Amino acid sequence: MSSKSNTKPDISQATSVSQQLARQLEATAESDEEEIPTSASALSLGVRAQKKLLSKLSSKSVAKIFIDETSGRILDNIHKLARNYSGKKDADKLLKSIIKTIVKMGILYKNDLFTEHQLKLIDEFRNRFHSLSKSIITLYEVDFTFDRSVLTRMCKECQDLTHKIISTHLTQKSHARIDFVFNYVSNLAFLEYSFNPNSTVNRAIIKEIVEDMHSLMDAGFL
């Protein structure tokens, strides 16, 4: 489809989709302040101030604080897969939901607001997500290993853990975002589409995701 001169630039044409969506996050940061329960403490007011500050930062700054370059490329490639599968609207919603969740959990973590129990759950999530990432790598590198039941089970475990981690900090709006993200990426039709061995386009996208996952694993970040 040809684009017209008066049409807004397509988000996929940006250098980094995750950075473009981070810019959109700035506009909503203030309106979402209520998602972290506040009290009359200096700490809670500080958290609110940090969230408000996000709306003033450049998109590049927001992305660099919470999303490293390699992870950003993974998010951009997930956006490509989602866009090819279900269209721009759903793909943008998926990436916005991921970025908003990362940013809000990052603020909570940086301010030591998680309880000891929640920190243990975060460690458990890291272990489960590491296993999920290894399974994704195996799906790409080893033929005939597509097992939807394993992937969907691992996604569900990560989903449940995320809900527990934020349970006392964020509102139902954030829980809904988490459900949208995990339900989308664990959907059987989306998984079969993404890992279709006959799709050279998707195969190339998954290859880039796997290479970046290897880099994060080698650096101890995944």
N, C-alpha and C. Protein backbone atom coordinates (compact mmCIF):
# COMPACT_ATOMS: atom_id res chain seq x y z
N MET A 1 0.84 -1.17 0.00
CA MET A 1 0.00 0.00 0.00
C MET A 1 0.89 1.24 0.00
N SER A 2 0.59 2.20 -0.87
CA SER A 2 1.42 3.40 -0.93
C SER A 2 0.96 4.40 0.09
N SER A 3 1.89 5.15 0.67
CA SER A 3 1.54 6.13 1.69
C SER A 3 1.47 7.50 1.05
N LYS A 4 0.55 8.34 1.55
CA LYS A 4 0.37 9.67 1.00
C LYS A 4 1.19 10.66 1.81
N SER A 5 1.46 11.80 1.18
CA SER A 5 2.33 12.78 1.80
C SER A 5 1.76 13.35 3.08
N ASN A 6 0.42 13.39 3.21
CA ASN A 6 -0.17 13.96 4.43
C ASN A 6 -0.42 12.93 5.50
N THR A 7 0.05 11.71 5.25
CA THR A 7 -0.13 10.65 6.24
C THR A 7 0.98 10.71 7.28
N LYS A 8 0.64 10.44 8.54
CA LYS A 8 1.66 10.45 9.60
C LYS A 8 2.65 9.33 9.36
N PRO A 9 3.92 9.51 9.74
CA PRO A 9 4.93 8.46 9.55
C PRO A 9 4.49 7.19 10.25
N ASP A 10 4.68 6.07 9.57
CA ASP A 10 4.29 4.79 10.16
C ASP A 10 5.26 4.43 11.27
N ILE A 11 4.73 3.85 12.36
CA ILE A 11 5.58 3.57 13.53
C ILE A 11 6.67 2.56 13.21
N SER A 12 6.41 1.67 12.22
CA SER A 12 7.41 0.66 11.87
C SER A 12 8.59 1.27 11.14
N GLN A 13 8.45 2.52 10.64
CA GLN A 13 9.54 3.15 9.93
C GLN A 13 10.50 3.85 10.89
N ALA A 14 10.18 3.90 12.16
CA ALA A 14 11.04 4.56 13.14
C ALA A 14 12.28 3.73 13.39
N THR A 15 13.33 4.38 13.87
CA THR A 15 14.56 3.67 14.18
C THR A 15 14.30 2.60 15.23
N SER A 16 13.50 2.94 16.24
CA SER A 16 13.17 1.99 17.30
C SER A 16 11.71 2.15 17.68
N VAL A 17 10.93 1.11 17.47
CA VAL A 17 9.52 1.17 17.81
C VAL A 17 9.33 1.34 19.30
N SER A 18 10.18 0.67 20.09
CA SER A 18 10.04 0.77 21.54
C SER A 18 10.28 2.20 22.01
N GLN A 19 11.19 2.91 21.37
CA GLN A 19 11.43 4.31 21.75
C GLN A 19 10.28 5.20 21.30
N GLN A 20 9.69 4.91 20.15
CA GLN A 20 8.54 5.68 19.70
C GLN A 20 7.37 5.52 20.66
N LEU A 21 7.14 4.30 21.11
CA LEU A 21 6.04 4.07 22.04
C LEU A 21 6.36 4.61 23.42
N ALA A 22 7.64 4.66 23.76
CA ALA A 22 8.02 5.28 25.03
C ALA A 22 7.63 6.75 25.04
N ARG A 23 7.73 7.39 23.87
CA ARG A 23 7.33 8.79 23.77
C ARG A 23 5.84 8.93 24.06
N GLN A 24 5.05 8.00 23.54
CA GLN A 24 3.62 8.05 23.79
C GLN A 24 3.32 7.80 25.26
N LEU A 25 4.17 7.00 25.91
CA LEU A 25 4.00 6.73 27.34
C LEU A 25 4.14 8.01 28.15
N GLU A 26 5.01 8.91 27.70
CA GLU A 26 5.21 10.17 28.43
C GLU A 26 3.89 10.91 28.62
N ALA A 27 3.06 10.89 27.58
CA ALA A 27 1.82 11.64 27.62
C ALA A 27 0.81 11.07 28.60
N THR A 28 0.96 9.78 28.92
CA THR A 28 0.00 9.13 29.81
C THR A 28 0.54 8.93 31.21
N ALA A 29 1.81 9.23 31.45
CA ALA A 29 2.42 8.95 32.76
C ALA A 29 1.68 9.66 33.88
N GLU A 30 1.33 10.94 33.68
CA GLU A 30 0.66 11.69 34.74
C GLU A 30 -0.72 11.12 35.03
N SER A 31 -1.46 10.77 33.98
CA SER A 31 -2.82 10.28 34.19
C SER A 31 -2.84 8.92 34.86
N ASP A 32 -1.72 8.20 34.81
CA ASP A 32 -1.65 6.87 35.42
C ASP A 32 -1.10 6.90 36.84
N GLU A 33 -0.88 8.08 37.40
CA GLU A 33 -0.22 8.17 38.70
C GLU A 33 -0.96 7.38 39.78
N GLU A 34 -2.28 7.31 39.67
CA GLU A 34 -3.03 6.65 40.72
C GLU A 34 -2.76 5.16 40.79
N GLU A 35 -2.06 4.61 39.81
CA GLU A 35 -1.85 3.17 39.80
C GLU A 35 -0.87 2.71 40.87
N ILE A 36 -0.08 3.60 41.44
CA ILE A 36 0.73 3.24 42.59
C ILE A 36 0.08 3.87 43.81
N PRO A 37 -0.49 3.05 44.69
CA PRO A 37 -1.17 3.60 45.85
C PRO A 37 -0.25 4.52 46.64
N THR A 38 -0.79 5.66 47.09
CA THR A 38 0.02 6.63 47.80
C THR A 38 -0.45 6.79 49.23
N SER A 39 0.46 7.23 50.07
CA SER A 39 0.13 7.56 51.45
C SER A 39 0.82 8.87 51.75
N ALA A 40 0.75 9.32 52.98
CA ALA A 40 1.34 10.62 53.32
C ALA A 40 2.82 10.50 53.62
N SER A 41 3.51 9.55 52.98
CA SER A 41 4.94 9.38 53.26
C SER A 41 5.78 10.06 52.20
N ALA A 42 7.00 10.42 52.58
CA ALA A 42 7.91 11.06 51.63
C ALA A 42 8.25 10.10 50.50
N LEU A 43 8.38 8.81 50.81
CA LEU A 43 8.73 7.83 49.80
C LEU A 43 7.66 7.74 48.72
N SER A 44 6.40 7.64 49.14
CA SER A 44 5.32 7.52 48.16
C SER A 44 5.21 8.77 47.31
N LEU A 45 5.42 9.93 47.93
CA LEU A 45 5.40 11.17 47.16
C LEU A 45 6.56 11.21 46.18
N GLY A 46 7.69 10.64 46.58
CA GLY A 46 8.85 10.57 45.69
C GLY A 46 8.58 9.70 44.48
N VAL A 47 7.87 8.59 44.71
CA VAL A 47 7.51 7.70 43.61
C VAL A 47 6.60 8.43 42.63
N ARG A 48 5.63 9.15 43.16
CA ARG A 48 4.72 9.91 42.30
C ARG A 48 5.50 10.95 41.49
N ALA A 49 6.48 11.57 42.14
CA ALA A 49 7.28 12.58 41.45
C ALA A 49 8.08 11.95 40.31
N GLN A 50 8.59 10.74 40.54
CA GLN A 50 9.35 10.06 39.49
C GLN A 50 8.46 9.73 38.30
N LYS A 51 7.24 9.29 38.58
CA LYS A 51 6.31 8.99 37.50
C LYS A 51 5.98 10.24 36.72
N LYS A 52 5.82 11.35 37.44
CA LYS A 52 5.53 12.61 36.76
C LYS A 52 6.72 13.04 35.92
N LEU A 53 7.94 12.78 36.43
CA LEU A 53 9.14 13.15 35.71
C LEU A 53 9.24 12.41 34.38
N LEU A 54 8.74 11.19 34.34
CA LEU A 54 8.77 10.42 33.10
C LEU A 54 8.09 11.15 31.96
N SER A 55 7.04 11.91 32.30
CA SER A 55 6.30 12.62 31.25
C SER A 55 7.11 13.78 30.68
N LYS A 56 8.19 14.17 31.37
CA LYS A 56 9.02 15.28 30.91
C LYS A 56 10.26 14.82 30.16
N LEU A 57 10.59 13.54 30.30
CA LEU A 57 11.82 13.04 29.67
C LEU A 57 11.62 12.77 28.19
N SER A 58 12.71 12.77 27.44
CA SER A 58 12.63 12.39 26.03
C SER A 58 12.40 10.89 25.94
N SER A 59 11.88 10.45 24.81
CA SER A 59 11.61 9.03 24.63
C SER A 59 12.88 8.21 24.77
N LYS A 60 14.00 8.77 24.28
CA LYS A 60 15.28 8.07 24.35
C LYS A 60 15.67 7.86 25.81
N SER A 61 15.47 8.88 26.63
CA SER A 61 15.83 8.79 28.05
C SER A 61 15.00 7.74 28.75
N VAL A 62 13.68 7.73 28.49
CA VAL A 62 12.80 6.75 29.11
C VAL A 62 13.24 5.34 28.74
N ALA A 63 13.50 5.11 27.45
CA ALA A 63 13.90 3.79 27.00
C ALA A 63 15.21 3.35 27.62
N LYS A 64 16.17 4.29 27.73
CA LYS A 64 17.49 3.93 28.26
C LYS A 64 17.45 3.62 29.75
N ILE A 65 16.54 4.27 30.49
CA ILE A 65 16.46 4.04 31.93
C ILE A 65 15.97 2.62 32.21
N PHE A 66 14.97 2.18 31.46
CA PHE A 66 14.30 0.92 31.79
C PHE A 66 14.51 -0.20 30.76
N ILE A 67 14.92 0.14 29.55
CA ILE A 67 15.03 -0.86 28.49
C ILE A 67 16.38 -0.71 27.80
N ASP A 68 17.25 -1.71 27.93
CA ASP A 68 18.56 -1.63 27.27
C ASP A 68 18.39 -1.83 25.77
N GLU A 69 19.44 -1.53 25.04
CA GLU A 69 19.37 -1.55 23.57
C GLU A 69 19.00 -2.92 23.03
N THR A 70 19.60 -3.97 23.60
CA THR A 70 19.33 -5.32 23.12
C THR A 70 17.88 -5.72 23.38
N SER A 71 17.38 -5.43 24.57
CA SER A 71 15.98 -5.73 24.89
C SER A 71 15.05 -4.93 23.99
N GLY A 72 15.44 -3.69 23.69
CA GLY A 72 14.65 -2.86 22.81
C GLY A 72 14.50 -3.48 21.43
N ARG A 73 15.58 -4.08 20.93
CA ARG A 73 15.50 -4.75 19.61
C ARG A 73 14.57 -5.94 19.67
N ILE A 74 14.59 -6.68 20.78
CA ILE A 74 13.68 -7.82 20.93
C ILE A 74 12.23 -7.33 20.89
N LEU A 75 11.95 -6.25 21.62
CA LEU A 75 10.60 -5.69 21.63
C LEU A 75 10.18 -5.23 20.24
N ASP A 76 11.10 -4.60 19.52
CA ASP A 76 10.79 -4.15 18.17
C ASP A 76 10.45 -5.34 17.26
N ASN A 77 11.17 -6.43 17.42
CA ASN A 77 10.90 -7.60 16.59
C ASN A 77 9.61 -8.30 16.98
N ILE A 78 9.28 -8.30 18.26
CA ILE A 78 7.98 -8.83 18.68
C ILE A 78 6.87 -7.99 18.06
N HIS A 79 7.09 -6.67 18.03
CA HIS A 79 6.13 -5.76 17.40
C HIS A 79 5.94 -6.11 15.92
N LYS A 80 7.03 -6.43 15.23
CA LYS A 80 6.94 -6.80 13.81
C LYS A 80 6.09 -8.05 13.63
N LEU A 81 6.36 -9.07 14.46
CA LEU A 81 5.59 -10.31 14.37
C LEU A 81 4.11 -10.06 14.63
N ALA A 82 3.83 -9.29 15.68
CA ALA A 82 2.44 -9.02 16.05
C ALA A 82 1.74 -8.20 14.97
N ARG A 83 2.46 -7.26 14.40
CA ARG A 83 1.85 -6.44 13.35
C ARG A 83 1.52 -7.28 12.11
N ASN A 84 2.44 -8.14 11.74
CA ASN A 84 2.18 -9.00 10.58
C ASN A 84 1.05 -9.99 10.86
N TYR A 85 0.91 -10.36 12.13
CA TYR A 85 -0.10 -11.36 12.49
C TYR A 85 -1.51 -10.76 12.63
N SER A 86 -1.63 -9.66 13.39
CA SER A 86 -2.97 -9.15 13.68
C SER A 86 -3.16 -7.66 13.41
N GLY A 87 -2.15 -7.00 12.85
CA GLY A 87 -2.31 -5.61 12.48
C GLY A 87 -1.64 -4.64 13.44
N LYS A 88 -1.52 -3.40 12.99
CA LYS A 88 -0.81 -2.36 13.73
C LYS A 88 -1.43 -2.04 15.08
N LYS A 89 -2.76 -1.98 15.14
CA LYS A 89 -3.44 -1.58 16.38
C LYS A 89 -3.10 -2.53 17.53
N ASP A 90 -3.24 -3.82 17.30
CA ASP A 90 -2.94 -4.80 18.34
C ASP A 90 -1.45 -4.82 18.66
N ALA A 91 -0.61 -4.68 17.62
CA ALA A 91 0.84 -4.70 17.84
C ALA A 91 1.27 -3.53 18.70
N ASP A 92 0.72 -2.35 18.43
CA ASP A 92 1.05 -1.17 19.24
C ASP A 92 0.56 -1.33 20.67
N LYS A 93 -0.65 -1.87 20.81
CA LYS A 93 -1.21 -2.09 22.15
C LYS A 93 -0.34 -3.07 22.94
N LEU A 94 0.12 -4.11 22.27
CA LEU A 94 0.97 -5.11 22.93
C LEU A 94 2.26 -4.47 23.43
N LEU A 95 2.92 -3.70 22.56
CA LEU A 95 4.20 -3.11 22.95
C LEU A 95 4.03 -2.03 24.01
N LYS A 96 2.98 -1.23 23.88
CA LYS A 96 2.70 -0.21 24.91
C LYS A 96 2.49 -0.88 26.27
N SER A 97 1.74 -1.98 26.27
CA SER A 97 1.46 -2.68 27.53
C SER A 97 2.73 -3.23 28.15
N ILE A 98 3.62 -3.78 27.32
CA ILE A 98 4.90 -4.30 27.83
C ILE A 98 5.73 -3.17 28.42
N ILE A 99 5.85 -2.06 27.68
CA ILE A 99 6.70 -0.95 28.13
C ILE A 99 6.15 -0.33 29.41
N LYS A 100 4.83 -0.12 29.47
CA LYS A 100 4.25 0.48 30.67
C LYS A 100 4.48 -0.41 31.89
N THR A 101 4.34 -1.72 31.70
CA THR A 101 4.56 -2.65 32.81
C THR A 101 6.01 -2.62 33.27
N ILE A 102 6.95 -2.62 32.33
CA ILE A 102 8.38 -2.57 32.66
C ILE A 102 8.71 -1.29 33.41
N VAL A 103 8.19 -0.15 32.92
CA VAL A 103 8.49 1.14 33.54
C VAL A 103 7.96 1.19 34.97
N LYS A 104 6.72 0.77 35.16
CA LYS A 104 6.12 0.87 36.50
C LYS A 104 6.78 -0.09 37.48
N MET A 105 7.09 -1.29 37.03
CA MET A 105 7.78 -2.22 37.91
C MET A 105 9.21 -1.74 38.18
N GLY A 106 9.81 -1.09 37.18
CA GLY A 106 11.15 -0.55 37.37
C GLY A 106 11.18 0.53 38.44
N ILE A 107 10.16 1.39 38.43
CA ILE A 107 10.08 2.44 39.45
C ILE A 107 9.92 1.83 40.84
N LEU A 108 9.06 0.84 40.94
CA LEU A 108 8.86 0.17 42.24
C LEU A 108 10.16 -0.47 42.73
N TYR A 109 10.86 -1.14 41.81
CA TYR A 109 12.10 -1.83 42.18
C TYR A 109 13.19 -0.85 42.58
N LYS A 110 13.34 0.22 41.82
CA LYS A 110 14.39 1.21 42.10
C LYS A 110 14.17 1.92 43.43
N ASN A 111 12.92 1.97 43.87
CA ASN A 111 12.60 2.63 45.14
C ASN A 111 12.45 1.64 46.31
N ASP A 112 12.86 0.39 46.08
CA ASP A 112 12.83 -0.63 47.14
C ASP A 112 11.43 -0.78 47.75
N LEU A 113 10.42 -0.77 46.90
CA LEU A 113 9.05 -0.86 47.41
C LEU A 113 8.51 -2.29 47.44
N PHE A 114 9.25 -3.22 46.88
CA PHE A 114 8.82 -4.61 46.93
C PHE A 114 9.16 -5.23 48.28
N THR A 115 8.27 -6.04 48.80
CA THR A 115 8.51 -6.74 50.06
C THR A 115 9.50 -7.88 49.81
N GLU A 116 9.97 -8.48 50.91
CA GLU A 116 10.89 -9.61 50.76
C GLU A 116 10.23 -10.75 50.01
N HIS A 117 8.97 -10.98 50.32
CA HIS A 117 8.24 -12.04 49.62
C HIS A 117 8.13 -11.73 48.13
N GLN A 118 7.85 -10.49 47.80
CA GLN A 118 7.73 -10.10 46.39
C GLN A 118 9.08 -10.19 45.68
N LEU A 119 10.17 -9.90 46.39
CA LEU A 119 11.51 -10.03 45.79
C LEU A 119 11.83 -11.50 45.49
N LYS A 120 11.36 -12.39 46.36
CA LYS A 120 11.53 -13.82 46.10
C LYS A 120 10.73 -14.24 44.87
N LEU A 121 9.54 -13.66 44.73
CA LEU A 121 8.72 -13.94 43.56
C LEU A 121 9.39 -13.42 42.28
N ILE A 122 10.07 -12.28 42.39
CA ILE A 122 10.80 -11.72 41.25
C ILE A 122 11.92 -12.67 40.83
N ASP A 123 12.64 -13.22 41.82
CA ASP A 123 13.69 -14.19 41.52
C ASP A 123 13.11 -15.43 40.84
N GLU A 124 11.95 -15.86 41.34
CA GLU A 124 11.29 -17.03 40.74
C GLU A 124 10.86 -16.71 39.31
N PHE A 125 10.36 -15.49 39.10
CA PHE A 125 9.96 -15.08 37.75
C PHE A 125 11.17 -15.10 36.81
N ARG A 126 12.30 -14.59 37.29
CA ARG A 126 13.51 -14.58 36.45
C ARG A 126 13.88 -15.99 36.02
N ASN A 127 13.81 -16.93 36.97
CA ASN A 127 14.14 -18.32 36.65
C ASN A 127 13.18 -18.90 35.62
N ARG A 128 11.88 -18.63 35.82
CA ARG A 128 10.87 -19.16 34.88
C ARG A 128 11.02 -18.50 33.50
N PHE A 129 11.29 -17.20 33.51
CA PHE A 129 11.43 -16.49 32.24
C PHE A 129 12.69 -16.94 31.51
N HIS A 130 13.74 -17.26 32.28
CA HIS A 130 14.97 -17.79 31.68
C HIS A 130 14.67 -19.12 30.99
N SER A 131 13.91 -19.98 31.65
CA SER A 131 13.54 -21.27 31.06
C SER A 131 12.69 -21.07 29.81
N LEU A 132 11.76 -20.11 29.88
CA LEU A 132 10.92 -19.80 28.72
C LEU A 132 11.76 -19.33 27.55
N SER A 133 12.74 -18.47 27.83
CA SER A 133 13.62 -17.96 26.78
C SER A 133 14.43 -19.09 26.14
N LYS A 134 14.91 -20.02 26.96
CA LYS A 134 15.67 -21.16 26.43
C LYS A 134 14.79 -22.03 25.54
N SER A 135 13.52 -22.15 25.92
CA SER A 135 12.59 -22.94 25.11
C SER A 135 12.35 -22.28 23.76
N ILE A 136 12.26 -20.95 23.76
CA ILE A 136 12.08 -20.21 22.51
C ILE A 136 13.29 -20.39 21.61
N ILE A 137 14.48 -20.34 22.21
CA ILE A 137 15.71 -20.55 21.43
C ILE A 137 15.73 -21.95 20.83
N THR A 138 15.33 -22.93 21.63
CA THR A 138 15.31 -24.32 21.15
C THR A 138 14.33 -24.48 19.99
N LEU A 139 13.17 -23.82 20.09
CA LEU A 139 12.18 -23.89 19.02
C LEU A 139 12.77 -23.43 17.69
N TYR A 140 13.61 -22.41 17.77
CA TYR A 140 14.20 -21.89 16.54
C TYR A 140 15.37 -22.75 16.06
N GLU A 141 16.21 -23.19 17.00
CA GLU A 141 17.47 -23.85 16.61
C GLU A 141 17.31 -25.34 16.34
N VAL A 142 16.28 -25.96 16.88
CA VAL A 142 16.10 -27.41 16.70
C VAL A 142 14.78 -27.66 15.97
N ASP A 143 14.84 -28.29 14.83
CA ASP A 143 13.63 -28.56 14.06
C ASP A 143 12.73 -29.55 14.78
N PHE A 144 11.43 -29.43 14.54
CA PHE A 144 10.42 -30.36 15.04
C PHE A 144 10.35 -30.40 16.57
N THR A 145 10.61 -29.26 17.22
CA THR A 145 10.52 -29.25 18.68
C THR A 145 9.37 -28.37 19.17
N PHE A 146 8.47 -27.97 18.28
CA PHE A 146 7.39 -27.06 18.68
C PHE A 146 6.41 -27.79 19.60
N ASP A 147 6.39 -27.39 20.85
CA ASP A 147 5.48 -27.97 21.84
C ASP A 147 4.69 -26.83 22.48
N ARG A 148 3.48 -26.62 21.97
CA ARG A 148 2.69 -25.48 22.45
C ARG A 148 2.34 -25.60 23.91
N SER A 149 2.16 -26.84 24.40
CA SER A 149 1.76 -27.02 25.79
C SER A 149 2.83 -26.53 26.75
N VAL A 150 4.11 -26.74 26.39
CA VAL A 150 5.21 -26.29 27.24
C VAL A 150 5.28 -24.77 27.25
N LEU A 151 5.20 -24.16 26.07
CA LEU A 151 5.29 -22.70 25.98
C LEU A 151 4.12 -22.03 26.69
N THR A 152 2.91 -22.52 26.47
CA THR A 152 1.75 -21.89 27.09
C THR A 152 1.78 -22.05 28.61
N ARG A 153 2.27 -23.21 29.08
CA ARG A 153 2.38 -23.43 30.53
C ARG A 153 3.38 -22.47 31.14
N MET A 154 4.53 -22.29 30.50
CA MET A 154 5.56 -21.38 31.01
C MET A 154 5.06 -19.94 31.01
N CYS A 155 4.35 -19.55 29.95
CA CYS A 155 3.79 -18.20 29.89
C CYS A 155 2.79 -17.99 31.01
N LYS A 156 1.97 -19.00 31.27
CA LYS A 156 0.96 -18.89 32.33
C LYS A 156 1.63 -18.75 33.70
N GLU A 157 2.71 -19.48 33.92
CA GLU A 157 3.45 -19.37 35.19
C GLU A 157 4.03 -17.97 35.36
N CYS A 158 4.61 -17.42 34.30
CA CYS A 158 5.16 -16.06 34.37
C CYS A 158 4.04 -15.03 34.57
N GLN A 159 2.91 -15.27 33.94
CA GLN A 159 1.76 -14.38 34.08
C GLN A 159 1.26 -14.35 35.52
N ASP A 160 1.10 -15.51 36.12
CA ASP A 160 0.62 -15.60 37.51
C ASP A 160 1.60 -14.94 38.48
N LEU A 161 2.89 -15.16 38.26
CA LEU A 161 3.90 -14.56 39.12
C LEU A 161 3.89 -13.04 39.03
N THR A 162 3.73 -12.52 37.82
CA THR A 162 3.70 -11.06 37.63
C THR A 162 2.53 -10.45 38.38
N HIS A 163 1.37 -11.09 38.31
CA HIS A 163 0.20 -10.61 39.05
C HIS A 163 0.49 -10.56 40.56
N LYS A 164 1.14 -11.59 41.07
CA LYS A 164 1.44 -11.65 42.50
C LYS A 164 2.45 -10.56 42.89
N ILE A 165 3.43 -10.31 42.03
CA ILE A 165 4.48 -9.32 42.33
C ILE A 165 3.89 -7.92 42.47
N ILE A 166 2.95 -7.57 41.62
CA ILE A 166 2.41 -6.19 41.64
C ILE A 166 1.12 -6.06 42.45
N SER A 167 0.68 -7.16 43.05
CA SER A 167 -0.66 -7.21 43.66
C SER A 167 -0.95 -6.07 44.64
N THR A 168 0.03 -5.65 45.42
CA THR A 168 -0.22 -4.61 46.42
C THR A 168 0.24 -3.23 45.97
N HIS A 169 0.66 -3.11 44.71
CA HIS A 169 1.23 -1.84 44.24
C HIS A 169 0.44 -1.18 43.11
N LEU A 170 -0.05 -1.96 42.17
CA LEU A 170 -0.71 -1.40 40.99
C LEU A 170 -2.18 -1.81 40.94
N THR A 171 -2.95 -1.08 40.13
CA THR A 171 -4.39 -1.32 40.08
C THR A 171 -4.77 -2.33 39.01
N GLN A 172 -6.08 -2.52 38.89
CA GLN A 172 -6.61 -3.49 37.94
C GLN A 172 -6.22 -3.16 36.49
N LYS A 173 -6.00 -1.90 36.22
CA LYS A 173 -5.60 -1.49 34.87
C LYS A 173 -4.28 -2.15 34.48
N SER A 174 -3.35 -2.21 35.42
CA SER A 174 -2.06 -2.86 35.15
C SER A 174 -2.22 -4.37 35.05
N HIS A 175 -3.08 -4.94 35.88
CA HIS A 175 -3.35 -6.39 35.79
C HIS A 175 -3.92 -6.73 34.42
N ALA A 176 -4.80 -5.87 33.91
CA ALA A 176 -5.40 -6.11 32.60
C ALA A 176 -4.34 -6.07 31.50
N ARG A 177 -3.38 -5.15 31.62
CA ARG A 177 -2.29 -5.07 30.65
C ARG A 177 -1.47 -6.36 30.64
N ILE A 178 -1.17 -6.84 31.85
CA ILE A 178 -0.38 -8.07 31.98
C ILE A 178 -1.11 -9.24 31.32
N ASP A 179 -2.42 -9.34 31.56
CA ASP A 179 -3.20 -10.41 30.94
C ASP A 179 -3.18 -10.30 29.42
N PHE A 180 -3.31 -9.08 28.93
CA PHE A 180 -3.31 -8.89 27.47
C PHE A 180 -1.98 -9.36 26.87
N VAL A 181 -0.87 -8.98 27.50
CA VAL A 181 0.45 -9.34 26.98
C VAL A 181 0.63 -10.86 26.94
N PHE A 182 0.43 -11.51 28.08
CA PHE A 182 0.70 -12.94 28.15
C PHE A 182 -0.31 -13.75 27.34
N ASN A 183 -1.57 -13.33 27.34
CA ASN A 183 -2.58 -14.04 26.55
C ASN A 183 -2.29 -13.92 25.06
N TYR A 184 -1.77 -12.78 24.65
CA TYR A 184 -1.45 -12.58 23.23
C TYR A 184 -0.27 -13.46 22.82
N VAL A 185 0.83 -13.36 23.56
CA VAL A 185 2.05 -14.07 23.11
C VAL A 185 1.95 -15.58 23.30
N SER A 186 1.05 -16.05 24.17
CA SER A 186 0.92 -17.49 24.38
C SER A 186 -0.21 -18.10 23.55
N ASN A 187 -0.89 -17.26 22.77
CA ASN A 187 -1.96 -17.75 21.91
C ASN A 187 -1.40 -18.74 20.88
N LEU A 188 -2.03 -19.90 20.77
CA LEU A 188 -1.51 -20.96 19.90
C LEU A 188 -1.38 -20.49 18.46
N ALA A 189 -2.38 -19.78 17.96
CA ALA A 189 -2.34 -19.34 16.57
C ALA A 189 -1.17 -18.39 16.33
N PHE A 190 -0.91 -17.50 17.29
CA PHE A 190 0.22 -16.58 17.15
C PHE A 190 1.55 -17.33 17.20
N LEU A 191 1.66 -18.30 18.10
CA LEU A 191 2.90 -19.08 18.20
C LEU A 191 3.16 -19.87 16.92
N GLU A 192 2.12 -20.51 16.39
CA GLU A 192 2.29 -21.29 15.17
C GLU A 192 2.64 -20.39 13.99
N TYR A 193 2.04 -19.20 13.97
CA TYR A 193 2.36 -18.24 12.92
C TYR A 193 3.82 -17.79 13.03
N SER A 194 4.25 -17.44 14.24
CA SER A 194 5.59 -16.91 14.44
C SER A 194 6.67 -17.93 14.15
N PHE A 195 6.43 -19.20 14.51
CA PHE A 195 7.44 -20.24 14.35
C PHE A 195 7.22 -21.09 13.10
N ASN A 196 6.42 -20.59 12.18
CA ASN A 196 6.18 -21.31 10.93
C ASN A 196 7.49 -21.46 10.16
N PRO A 197 8.00 -22.69 10.01
CA PRO A 197 9.29 -22.89 9.36
C PRO A 197 9.29 -22.53 7.88
N ASN A 198 8.09 -22.41 7.30
CA ASN A 198 7.99 -22.09 5.87
C ASN A 198 7.93 -20.58 5.60
N SER A 199 7.91 -19.79 6.67
CA SER A 199 7.86 -18.33 6.50
C SER A 199 9.27 -17.76 6.63
N THR A 200 9.86 -17.35 5.51
CA THR A 200 11.22 -16.80 5.55
C THR A 200 11.25 -15.47 6.30
N VAL A 201 10.17 -14.71 6.20
CA VAL A 201 10.10 -13.41 6.89
C VAL A 201 10.12 -13.61 8.40
N ASN A 202 9.22 -14.46 8.89
CA ASN A 202 9.15 -14.71 10.33
C ASN A 202 10.40 -15.41 10.85
N ARG A 203 10.93 -16.30 10.04
CA ARG A 203 12.15 -17.02 10.42
C ARG A 203 13.29 -16.03 10.66
N ALA A 204 13.38 -15.01 9.80
CA ALA A 204 14.44 -14.00 9.94
C ALA A 204 14.23 -13.16 11.20
N ILE A 205 12.96 -12.84 11.50
CA ILE A 205 12.66 -12.05 12.71
C ILE A 205 12.99 -12.85 13.96
N ILE A 206 12.57 -14.12 13.99
CA ILE A 206 12.86 -14.99 15.15
C ILE A 206 14.37 -15.15 15.31
N LYS A 207 15.08 -15.25 14.20
CA LYS A 207 16.54 -15.39 14.25
C LYS A 207 17.16 -14.20 15.00
N GLU A 208 16.70 -12.98 14.70
CA GLU A 208 17.23 -11.79 15.37
C GLU A 208 16.88 -11.81 16.86
N ILE A 209 15.65 -12.24 17.18
CA ILE A 209 15.24 -12.33 18.59
C ILE A 209 16.13 -13.31 19.34
N VAL A 210 16.36 -14.46 18.74
CA VAL A 210 17.18 -15.50 19.37
C VAL A 210 18.62 -15.02 19.57
N GLU A 211 19.18 -14.33 18.58
CA GLU A 211 20.55 -13.82 18.70
C GLU A 211 20.64 -12.83 19.87
N ASP A 212 19.64 -11.96 19.99
CA ASP A 212 19.65 -11.00 21.10
C ASP A 212 19.43 -11.69 22.44
N MET A 213 18.62 -12.75 22.46
CA MET A 213 18.43 -13.52 23.69
C MET A 213 19.74 -14.16 24.13
N HIS A 214 20.48 -14.70 23.17
CA HIS A 214 21.79 -15.28 23.47
C HIS A 214 22.70 -14.22 24.08
N SER A 215 22.67 -13.02 23.53
CA SER A 215 23.53 -11.94 24.05
C SER A 215 23.17 -11.60 25.49
N LEU A 216 21.86 -11.52 25.77
CA LEU A 216 21.42 -11.21 27.13
C LEU A 216 21.77 -12.32 28.10
N MET A 217 21.66 -13.56 27.64
CA MET A 217 22.02 -14.70 28.49
C MET A 217 23.53 -14.70 28.78
N ASP A 218 24.33 -14.46 27.75
CA ASP A 218 25.79 -14.42 27.93
C ASP A 218 26.21 -13.33 28.92
N ALA A 219 25.44 -12.23 28.93
CA ALA A 219 25.74 -11.11 29.83
C ALA A 219 25.11 -11.28 31.21
N GLY A 220 24.34 -12.38 31.37
CA GLY A 220 23.71 -12.65 32.66
C GLY A 220 22.46 -11.83 32.94
N PHE A 221 21.87 -11.28 31.89
CA PHE A 221 20.68 -10.44 32.06
C PHE A 221 19.38 -11.17 31.77
N LEU A 222 19.48 -12.42 31.30
CA LEU A 222 18.27 -13.16 30.95
C LEU A 222 18.37 -14.59 31.43
